[in-house]
């Protein structure tokens, strides 16, 4: 984060600049939506504090939370079959994910979250998110980018 260099000689700490940055860049979430993968990035003051990754498992028909390991692989179906099923069930599958994302925001005591993804993906999730949790949206596919670049893009675009 950009800061101004200043020097103070005092018996009390001069924290105004830090407090202003904390107000402008509070702890927030960034929800990055790709077709069947969703990343939840927790940030504060431009730094990544934590990441969670969710992937849609066709066999279980549920969202699987996985650590930084690779997402589950579809064994039983091919890419065309997945795409057809995804198109048919996209709204229902995304709607099932929103309570998990809202729970993450609430449990982490974040000020809200930004949605990032394709226009279609954002449009499917946005109506189901509580307006008090949603701080803004970016309709760009940033999913393939590293997390720190996604954070920079959100901060540059929306803040």
N, C-alpha and C. Protein backbone atom coordinates (compact mmCIF):
# COMPACT_ATOMS: atom_id res chain seq x y z
N UNK A 1 0.83 -1.16 0.00
CA UNK A 1 0.00 0.00 0.00
C UNK A 1 0.89 1.24 0.00
N UNK A 2 0.49 2.25 -0.71
CA UNK A 2 1.29 3.48 -0.75
C UNK A 2 1.17 4.23 0.58
N UNK A 3 2.31 4.61 1.12
CA UNK A 3 2.33 5.38 2.37
C UNK A 3 3.22 6.61 2.18
N UNK A 4 2.97 7.61 3.02
CA UNK A 4 3.76 8.83 2.99
C UNK A 4 4.79 8.75 4.10
N UNK A 5 6.03 9.04 3.77
CA UNK A 5 7.08 9.03 4.78
C UNK A 5 6.97 10.29 5.63
N UNK A 6 6.95 10.09 6.95
CA UNK A 6 6.92 11.23 7.86
C UNK A 6 7.64 10.84 9.15
N UNK A 7 8.17 11.83 9.83
CA UNK A 7 8.92 11.59 11.05
C UNK A 7 8.31 12.45 12.16
N UNK A 8 8.02 11.80 13.29
CA UNK A 8 7.43 12.50 14.43
C UNK A 8 8.23 12.18 15.69
N UNK A 9 8.45 13.18 16.49
CA UNK A 9 9.11 12.98 17.78
C UNK A 9 8.05 13.30 18.83
N UNK A 10 7.59 12.25 19.51
CA UNK A 10 6.50 12.45 20.45
C UNK A 10 6.49 11.33 21.47
N UNK A 11 5.79 11.54 22.54
CA UNK A 11 5.67 10.48 23.56
C UNK A 11 4.56 9.50 23.20
N UNK A 12 3.74 9.84 22.22
CA UNK A 12 2.65 8.97 21.78
C UNK A 12 2.89 8.57 20.32
N UNK A 13 2.47 7.36 19.99
CA UNK A 13 2.60 6.87 18.61
C UNK A 13 1.67 7.64 17.69
N UNK A 14 2.16 7.99 16.52
CA UNK A 14 1.37 8.70 15.50
C UNK A 14 0.84 7.64 14.51
N UNK A 15 -0.36 7.22 14.71
CA UNK A 15 -0.92 6.12 13.92
C UNK A 15 -2.00 6.55 12.93
N UNK A 16 -2.14 7.84 12.68
CA UNK A 16 -3.21 8.32 11.82
C UNK A 16 -3.14 7.70 10.42
N UNK A 17 -1.95 7.62 9.85
CA UNK A 17 -1.81 7.08 8.50
C UNK A 17 -2.21 5.60 8.46
N UNK A 18 -1.78 4.85 9.47
CA UNK A 18 -2.14 3.43 9.54
C UNK A 18 -3.64 3.26 9.73
N UNK A 19 -4.25 4.09 10.55
CA UNK A 19 -5.69 4.01 10.77
C UNK A 19 -6.45 4.36 9.49
N UNK A 20 -5.97 5.33 8.74
CA UNK A 20 -6.62 5.70 7.47
C UNK A 20 -6.52 4.56 6.46
N UNK A 21 -5.36 3.91 6.39
CA UNK A 21 -5.20 2.76 5.49
C UNK A 21 -6.10 1.61 5.91
N UNK A 22 -6.22 1.39 7.20
CA UNK A 22 -7.08 0.32 7.70
C UNK A 22 -8.55 0.61 7.36
N UNK A 23 -8.95 1.87 7.37
CA UNK A 23 -10.31 2.23 6.99
C UNK A 23 -10.53 2.03 5.49
N UNK A 24 -9.53 2.38 4.69
CA UNK A 24 -9.67 2.29 3.24
C UNK A 24 -9.54 0.85 2.74
N UNK A 25 -8.68 0.05 3.38
CA UNK A 25 -8.42 -1.33 2.94
C UNK A 25 -8.65 -2.30 4.09
N UNK A 26 -9.91 -2.44 4.55
CA UNK A 26 -10.18 -3.34 5.68
C UNK A 26 -10.08 -4.81 5.26
N UNK A 27 -10.22 -5.70 6.21
CA UNK A 27 -10.22 -7.13 5.89
C UNK A 27 -11.44 -7.42 5.04
N UNK A 28 -11.19 -7.90 3.83
CA UNK A 28 -12.27 -8.22 2.89
C UNK A 28 -11.97 -9.55 2.22
N UNK A 29 -12.98 -10.08 1.57
CA UNK A 29 -12.82 -11.30 0.79
C UNK A 29 -12.91 -10.99 -0.68
N UNK A 30 -12.23 -11.80 -1.46
CA UNK A 30 -12.34 -11.73 -2.91
C UNK A 30 -12.75 -13.12 -3.36
N UNK A 31 -13.89 -13.23 -4.00
CA UNK A 31 -14.42 -14.51 -4.46
C UNK A 31 -14.19 -14.59 -5.96
N UNK A 32 -13.30 -15.48 -6.37
CA UNK A 32 -12.93 -15.63 -7.78
C UNK A 32 -13.66 -16.85 -8.32
N UNK A 33 -14.54 -16.61 -9.28
CA UNK A 33 -15.39 -17.68 -9.81
C UNK A 33 -14.89 -18.09 -11.18
N UNK A 34 -14.58 -19.36 -11.30
CA UNK A 34 -14.36 -19.95 -12.61
C UNK A 34 -15.47 -20.97 -12.78
N UNK A 35 -15.54 -21.61 -13.89
CA UNK A 35 -16.69 -22.45 -14.17
C UNK A 35 -17.00 -23.42 -13.04
N UNK A 36 -16.08 -24.28 -12.66
CA UNK A 36 -16.36 -25.24 -11.59
C UNK A 36 -15.42 -25.07 -10.41
N UNK A 37 -14.60 -24.05 -10.42
CA UNK A 37 -13.68 -23.78 -9.32
C UNK A 37 -13.92 -22.37 -8.80
N UNK A 38 -13.91 -22.25 -7.48
CA UNK A 38 -14.11 -20.96 -6.83
C UNK A 38 -13.02 -20.79 -5.78
N UNK A 39 -12.37 -19.64 -5.79
CA UNK A 39 -11.35 -19.33 -4.79
C UNK A 39 -11.87 -18.22 -3.90
N UNK A 40 -11.63 -18.36 -2.60
CA UNK A 40 -11.99 -17.34 -1.62
C UNK A 40 -10.68 -16.82 -1.05
N UNK A 41 -10.37 -15.55 -1.32
CA UNK A 41 -9.11 -14.95 -0.89
C UNK A 41 -9.42 -13.91 0.18
N UNK A 42 -8.83 -14.07 1.36
CA UNK A 42 -9.00 -13.09 2.43
C UNK A 42 -7.83 -12.13 2.39
N UNK A 43 -8.14 -10.82 2.37
CA UNK A 43 -7.10 -9.80 2.27
C UNK A 43 -7.28 -8.72 3.33
N UNK A 44 -6.19 -8.06 3.64
CA UNK A 44 -6.21 -6.87 4.50
C UNK A 44 -4.99 -6.04 4.14
N UNK A 45 -5.20 -4.76 3.97
CA UNK A 45 -4.11 -3.84 3.61
C UNK A 45 -3.33 -4.31 2.39
N UNK A 46 -4.01 -4.95 1.45
CA UNK A 46 -3.37 -5.38 0.21
C UNK A 46 -2.61 -6.68 0.30
N UNK A 47 -2.61 -7.33 1.47
CA UNK A 47 -1.91 -8.60 1.63
C UNK A 47 -2.90 -9.75 1.70
N UNK A 48 -2.49 -10.90 1.21
CA UNK A 48 -3.32 -12.10 1.28
C UNK A 48 -3.10 -12.73 2.65
N UNK A 49 -4.20 -12.89 3.40
CA UNK A 49 -4.12 -13.51 4.71
C UNK A 49 -4.40 -15.00 4.66
N UNK A 50 -5.33 -15.40 3.79
CA UNK A 50 -5.71 -16.81 3.70
C UNK A 50 -6.42 -17.06 2.38
N UNK A 51 -6.42 -18.32 1.95
CA UNK A 51 -7.13 -18.71 0.73
C UNK A 51 -7.85 -20.02 0.97
N UNK A 52 -9.05 -20.14 0.41
CA UNK A 52 -9.81 -21.39 0.40
C UNK A 52 -10.22 -21.64 -1.03
N UNK A 53 -10.23 -22.90 -1.41
CA UNK A 53 -10.59 -23.26 -2.78
C UNK A 53 -11.71 -24.29 -2.75
N UNK A 54 -12.70 -24.07 -3.61
CA UNK A 54 -13.83 -24.98 -3.73
C UNK A 54 -13.90 -25.45 -5.18
N UNK A 55 -14.27 -26.72 -5.36
CA UNK A 55 -14.43 -27.26 -6.70
C UNK A 55 -15.69 -28.12 -6.74
N UNK A 56 -16.40 -28.06 -7.86
CA UNK A 56 -17.61 -28.86 -8.00
C UNK A 56 -17.22 -30.29 -8.34
N UNK A 57 -17.69 -31.25 -7.52
CA UNK A 57 -17.43 -32.67 -7.73
C UNK A 57 -18.69 -33.28 -8.35
N UNK A 58 -18.59 -33.69 -9.61
CA UNK A 58 -19.75 -34.25 -10.31
C UNK A 58 -20.24 -35.54 -9.68
N UNK A 59 -19.31 -36.37 -9.16
CA UNK A 59 -19.72 -37.64 -8.57
C UNK A 59 -20.57 -37.42 -7.32
N UNK A 60 -20.16 -36.52 -6.47
CA UNK A 60 -20.89 -36.24 -5.23
C UNK A 60 -22.02 -35.25 -5.43
N UNK A 61 -21.96 -34.48 -6.52
CA UNK A 61 -22.87 -33.38 -6.78
C UNK A 61 -22.87 -32.40 -5.61
N UNK A 62 -21.66 -31.98 -5.23
CA UNK A 62 -21.49 -31.04 -4.13
C UNK A 62 -20.17 -30.31 -4.32
N UNK A 63 -20.07 -29.15 -3.64
CA UNK A 63 -18.83 -28.39 -3.65
C UNK A 63 -17.86 -29.01 -2.66
N UNK A 64 -16.63 -29.25 -3.10
CA UNK A 64 -15.59 -29.83 -2.26
C UNK A 64 -14.59 -28.74 -1.93
N UNK A 65 -14.29 -28.61 -0.65
CA UNK A 65 -13.30 -27.64 -0.19
C UNK A 65 -11.95 -28.36 -0.20
N UNK A 66 -11.02 -27.87 -0.96
CA UNK A 66 -9.71 -28.50 -1.00
C UNK A 66 -8.65 -27.47 -0.69
N UNK A 67 -7.57 -27.95 -0.08
CA UNK A 67 -6.47 -27.05 0.24
C UNK A 67 -5.72 -26.75 -1.05
N UNK A 68 -4.52 -26.29 -0.97
CA UNK A 68 -3.79 -25.88 -2.16
C UNK A 68 -3.40 -27.04 -3.07
N UNK A 69 -3.96 -28.21 -2.79
CA UNK A 69 -3.74 -29.36 -3.66
C UNK A 69 -4.56 -29.18 -4.93
N UNK A 70 -4.42 -30.11 -5.85
CA UNK A 70 -5.17 -30.02 -7.10
C UNK A 70 -6.63 -30.35 -6.86
N UNK A 71 -7.52 -29.77 -7.63
CA UNK A 71 -8.95 -30.04 -7.46
C UNK A 71 -9.29 -31.47 -7.86
N UNK A 72 -10.43 -31.99 -7.40
CA UNK A 72 -10.84 -33.33 -7.78
C UNK A 72 -11.00 -33.45 -9.29
N UNK A 73 -10.73 -34.64 -9.81
CA UNK A 73 -10.82 -34.89 -11.24
C UNK A 73 -12.07 -35.69 -11.53
N UNK A 74 -12.74 -35.37 -12.61
CA UNK A 74 -13.91 -36.14 -13.03
C UNK A 74 -13.44 -37.39 -13.74
N UNK A 75 -13.78 -38.54 -13.16
CA UNK A 75 -13.38 -39.80 -13.75
C UNK A 75 -14.46 -40.36 -14.66
N UNK A 76 -15.71 -40.20 -14.28
CA UNK A 76 -16.80 -40.88 -14.97
C UNK A 76 -17.29 -40.16 -16.22
N UNK A 77 -17.05 -38.88 -16.33
CA UNK A 77 -17.62 -38.14 -17.45
C UNK A 77 -16.54 -37.40 -18.22
N UNK A 78 -16.82 -37.16 -19.48
CA UNK A 78 -15.91 -36.41 -20.32
C UNK A 78 -16.21 -34.93 -20.24
N UNK A 79 -15.42 -34.16 -20.96
CA UNK A 79 -15.56 -32.71 -20.94
C UNK A 79 -16.91 -32.27 -21.51
N UNK A 80 -17.36 -32.90 -22.60
CA UNK A 80 -18.64 -32.52 -23.20
C UNK A 80 -19.81 -32.82 -22.27
N UNK A 81 -19.76 -33.97 -21.60
CA UNK A 81 -20.84 -34.33 -20.67
C UNK A 81 -20.85 -33.36 -19.49
N UNK A 82 -19.67 -32.99 -19.00
CA UNK A 82 -19.61 -32.04 -17.89
C UNK A 82 -20.19 -30.71 -18.32
N UNK A 83 -19.79 -30.22 -19.50
CA UNK A 83 -20.26 -28.92 -19.97
C UNK A 83 -21.78 -28.91 -20.11
N UNK A 84 -22.36 -29.98 -20.64
CA UNK A 84 -23.81 -30.06 -20.79
C UNK A 84 -24.48 -30.03 -19.42
N UNK A 85 -23.99 -30.83 -18.47
CA UNK A 85 -24.56 -30.85 -17.12
C UNK A 85 -24.36 -29.53 -16.42
N UNK A 86 -23.20 -28.92 -16.64
CA UNK A 86 -22.94 -27.63 -16.00
C UNK A 86 -23.92 -26.58 -16.50
N UNK A 87 -24.11 -26.51 -17.80
CA UNK A 87 -25.04 -25.53 -18.37
C UNK A 87 -26.46 -25.74 -17.85
N UNK A 88 -26.86 -27.01 -17.68
CA UNK A 88 -28.21 -27.31 -17.21
C UNK A 88 -28.40 -26.96 -15.74
N UNK A 89 -27.35 -27.08 -14.93
CA UNK A 89 -27.48 -26.96 -13.48
C UNK A 89 -26.72 -25.80 -12.86
N UNK A 90 -26.14 -24.93 -13.66
CA UNK A 90 -25.27 -23.85 -13.16
C UNK A 90 -25.93 -23.05 -12.04
N UNK A 91 -27.14 -22.59 -12.26
CA UNK A 91 -27.78 -21.72 -11.27
C UNK A 91 -27.95 -22.45 -9.93
N UNK A 92 -28.40 -23.69 -9.96
CA UNK A 92 -28.60 -24.46 -8.73
C UNK A 92 -27.28 -24.71 -8.02
N UNK A 93 -26.24 -25.07 -8.77
CA UNK A 93 -24.94 -25.37 -8.16
C UNK A 93 -24.33 -24.13 -7.52
N UNK A 94 -24.40 -23.00 -8.20
CA UNK A 94 -23.87 -21.76 -7.62
C UNK A 94 -24.70 -21.33 -6.40
N UNK A 95 -26.01 -21.51 -6.49
CA UNK A 95 -26.87 -21.15 -5.35
C UNK A 95 -26.49 -21.98 -4.12
N UNK A 96 -26.10 -23.23 -4.30
CA UNK A 96 -25.68 -24.09 -3.18
C UNK A 96 -24.37 -23.61 -2.56
N UNK A 97 -23.56 -22.90 -3.32
CA UNK A 97 -22.26 -22.44 -2.82
C UNK A 97 -22.38 -21.16 -1.99
N UNK A 98 -23.37 -20.33 -2.27
CA UNK A 98 -23.49 -19.02 -1.61
C UNK A 98 -23.52 -19.12 -0.08
N UNK A 99 -24.26 -20.06 0.53
CA UNK A 99 -24.23 -20.14 2.00
C UNK A 99 -22.83 -20.41 2.56
N UNK A 100 -22.04 -21.19 1.87
CA UNK A 100 -20.67 -21.46 2.32
C UNK A 100 -19.82 -20.20 2.25
N UNK A 101 -19.97 -19.46 1.17
CA UNK A 101 -19.21 -18.21 1.01
C UNK A 101 -19.65 -17.18 2.06
N UNK A 102 -20.95 -17.09 2.29
CA UNK A 102 -21.46 -16.16 3.31
C UNK A 102 -20.96 -16.54 4.69
N UNK A 103 -20.89 -17.83 4.96
CA UNK A 103 -20.38 -18.31 6.25
C UNK A 103 -18.92 -17.93 6.42
N UNK A 104 -18.14 -18.04 5.35
CA UNK A 104 -16.72 -17.64 5.41
C UNK A 104 -16.61 -16.15 5.76
N UNK A 105 -17.41 -15.33 5.12
CA UNK A 105 -17.37 -13.89 5.37
C UNK A 105 -17.75 -13.59 6.81
N UNK A 106 -18.80 -14.23 7.28
CA UNK A 106 -19.29 -13.98 8.64
C UNK A 106 -18.30 -14.49 9.69
N UNK A 107 -17.81 -15.71 9.54
CA UNK A 107 -16.91 -16.29 10.54
C UNK A 107 -15.57 -15.56 10.61
N UNK A 108 -15.12 -15.04 9.50
CA UNK A 108 -13.85 -14.31 9.47
C UNK A 108 -14.02 -12.85 9.86
N UNK A 109 -15.28 -12.43 10.08
CA UNK A 109 -15.60 -11.04 10.46
C UNK A 109 -15.06 -10.04 9.44
N UNK A 110 -15.29 -10.35 8.16
CA UNK A 110 -14.84 -9.49 7.09
C UNK A 110 -15.85 -8.38 6.84
N UNK A 111 -15.39 -7.29 6.26
CA UNK A 111 -16.29 -6.18 5.96
C UNK A 111 -17.17 -6.48 4.74
N UNK A 112 -16.85 -7.51 4.00
CA UNK A 112 -17.62 -7.88 2.82
C UNK A 112 -16.71 -8.60 1.84
N UNK A 113 -17.20 -8.77 0.61
CA UNK A 113 -16.43 -9.47 -0.41
C UNK A 113 -16.71 -8.89 -1.79
N UNK A 114 -15.74 -9.06 -2.66
CA UNK A 114 -15.86 -8.67 -4.06
C UNK A 114 -16.01 -9.94 -4.88
N UNK A 115 -16.92 -9.92 -5.86
CA UNK A 115 -17.09 -11.05 -6.78
C UNK A 115 -16.30 -10.77 -8.05
N UNK A 116 -15.53 -11.77 -8.48
CA UNK A 116 -14.72 -11.65 -9.68
C UNK A 116 -14.96 -12.88 -10.54
N UNK A 117 -15.27 -12.68 -11.80
CA UNK A 117 -15.46 -13.81 -12.70
C UNK A 117 -16.10 -13.37 -13.99
N UNK A 118 -16.44 -14.34 -14.82
CA UNK A 118 -17.10 -14.03 -16.08
C UNK A 118 -18.45 -13.39 -15.80
N UNK A 119 -18.96 -12.69 -16.78
CA UNK A 119 -20.25 -11.99 -16.63
C UNK A 119 -21.35 -12.98 -16.22
N UNK A 120 -21.37 -14.18 -16.82
CA UNK A 120 -22.40 -15.17 -16.53
C UNK A 120 -22.27 -15.70 -15.10
N UNK A 121 -21.04 -16.00 -14.69
CA UNK A 121 -20.82 -16.55 -13.35
C UNK A 121 -21.20 -15.55 -12.27
N UNK A 122 -20.78 -14.32 -12.44
CA UNK A 122 -21.10 -13.27 -11.46
C UNK A 122 -22.61 -13.06 -11.42
N UNK A 123 -23.25 -13.06 -12.58
CA UNK A 123 -24.70 -12.86 -12.64
C UNK A 123 -25.47 -14.00 -11.97
N UNK A 124 -24.91 -15.19 -11.94
CA UNK A 124 -25.57 -16.33 -11.29
C UNK A 124 -25.46 -16.25 -9.77
N UNK A 125 -24.34 -15.78 -9.25
CA UNK A 125 -24.11 -15.76 -7.79
C UNK A 125 -24.61 -14.47 -7.15
N UNK A 126 -24.44 -13.35 -7.81
CA UNK A 126 -24.73 -12.04 -7.23
C UNK A 126 -26.14 -11.93 -6.63
N UNK A 127 -27.21 -12.39 -7.29
CA UNK A 127 -28.55 -12.22 -6.71
C UNK A 127 -28.75 -13.01 -5.41
N UNK A 128 -27.96 -14.03 -5.19
CA UNK A 128 -28.12 -14.87 -4.01
C UNK A 128 -27.29 -14.40 -2.83
N UNK A 129 -26.34 -13.49 -3.09
CA UNK A 129 -25.49 -12.95 -2.02
C UNK A 129 -26.24 -11.84 -1.30
N UNK A 130 -26.06 -11.77 0.00
CA UNK A 130 -26.64 -10.68 0.79
C UNK A 130 -25.98 -9.37 0.37
N UNK A 131 -26.79 -8.34 0.20
CA UNK A 131 -26.26 -7.03 -0.20
C UNK A 131 -25.28 -6.48 0.83
N UNK A 132 -25.44 -6.87 2.09
CA UNK A 132 -24.53 -6.39 3.13
C UNK A 132 -23.14 -7.01 2.99
N UNK A 133 -23.03 -8.16 2.35
CA UNK A 133 -21.74 -8.82 2.16
C UNK A 133 -21.07 -8.41 0.86
N UNK A 134 -21.83 -8.00 -0.13
CA UNK A 134 -21.29 -7.72 -1.46
C UNK A 134 -20.81 -6.28 -1.56
N UNK A 135 -19.50 -6.11 -1.81
CA UNK A 135 -18.91 -4.77 -1.90
C UNK A 135 -18.74 -4.30 -3.33
N UNK A 136 -18.71 -5.22 -4.29
CA UNK A 136 -18.53 -4.85 -5.68
C UNK A 136 -18.27 -6.08 -6.54
N UNK A 137 -18.28 -5.87 -7.85
CA UNK A 137 -18.04 -6.97 -8.78
C UNK A 137 -17.10 -6.53 -9.89
N UNK A 138 -16.36 -7.50 -10.40
CA UNK A 138 -15.52 -7.31 -11.60
C UNK A 138 -15.87 -8.44 -12.54
N UNK A 139 -16.34 -8.10 -13.73
CA UNK A 139 -16.72 -9.14 -14.69
C UNK A 139 -15.58 -9.38 -15.67
N UNK A 140 -14.51 -9.95 -15.13
CA UNK A 140 -13.36 -10.38 -15.92
C UNK A 140 -12.96 -11.76 -15.43
N UNK A 141 -12.47 -12.58 -16.33
CA UNK A 141 -12.00 -13.89 -15.93
C UNK A 141 -10.55 -13.77 -15.44
N UNK A 142 -10.38 -13.59 -14.15
CA UNK A 142 -9.05 -13.45 -13.56
C UNK A 142 -8.58 -14.75 -12.92
N UNK A 143 -9.39 -15.80 -13.00
CA UNK A 143 -9.09 -17.08 -12.36
C UNK A 143 -7.72 -17.65 -12.65
N UNK A 144 -7.22 -17.61 -13.89
CA UNK A 144 -5.91 -18.19 -14.17
C UNK A 144 -4.74 -17.39 -13.58
N UNK A 145 -5.00 -16.17 -13.13
CA UNK A 145 -3.92 -15.33 -12.61
C UNK A 145 -3.53 -15.76 -11.19
N UNK A 146 -2.28 -15.49 -10.79
CA UNK A 146 -1.89 -15.74 -9.40
C UNK A 146 -2.70 -14.85 -8.45
N UNK A 147 -2.87 -15.30 -7.22
CA UNK A 147 -3.71 -14.60 -6.25
C UNK A 147 -3.28 -13.15 -6.02
N UNK A 148 -1.98 -12.91 -5.92
CA UNK A 148 -1.53 -11.55 -5.64
C UNK A 148 -1.87 -10.59 -6.79
N UNK A 149 -1.91 -11.09 -8.02
CA UNK A 149 -2.29 -10.25 -9.15
C UNK A 149 -3.80 -9.99 -9.16
N UNK A 150 -4.58 -10.97 -8.71
CA UNK A 150 -6.03 -10.78 -8.59
C UNK A 150 -6.32 -9.69 -7.56
N UNK A 151 -5.64 -9.76 -6.41
CA UNK A 151 -5.82 -8.75 -5.36
C UNK A 151 -5.47 -7.37 -5.90
N UNK A 152 -4.35 -7.26 -6.62
CA UNK A 152 -3.94 -5.97 -7.18
C UNK A 152 -4.99 -5.45 -8.16
N UNK A 153 -5.50 -6.31 -9.01
CA UNK A 153 -6.52 -5.91 -9.99
C UNK A 153 -7.79 -5.41 -9.29
N UNK A 154 -8.23 -6.11 -8.24
CA UNK A 154 -9.42 -5.68 -7.51
C UNK A 154 -9.18 -4.34 -6.84
N UNK A 155 -8.03 -4.17 -6.20
CA UNK A 155 -7.73 -2.91 -5.53
C UNK A 155 -7.62 -1.77 -6.54
N UNK A 156 -6.98 -2.02 -7.68
CA UNK A 156 -6.82 -0.98 -8.70
C UNK A 156 -8.16 -0.59 -9.32
N UNK A 157 -9.03 -1.59 -9.51
CA UNK A 157 -10.30 -1.36 -10.22
C UNK A 157 -11.39 -0.80 -9.30
N UNK A 158 -11.54 -1.36 -8.11
CA UNK A 158 -12.69 -1.03 -7.29
C UNK A 158 -12.42 -0.14 -6.08
N UNK A 159 -11.20 -0.01 -5.68
CA UNK A 159 -10.93 0.75 -4.44
C UNK A 159 -10.20 2.04 -4.75
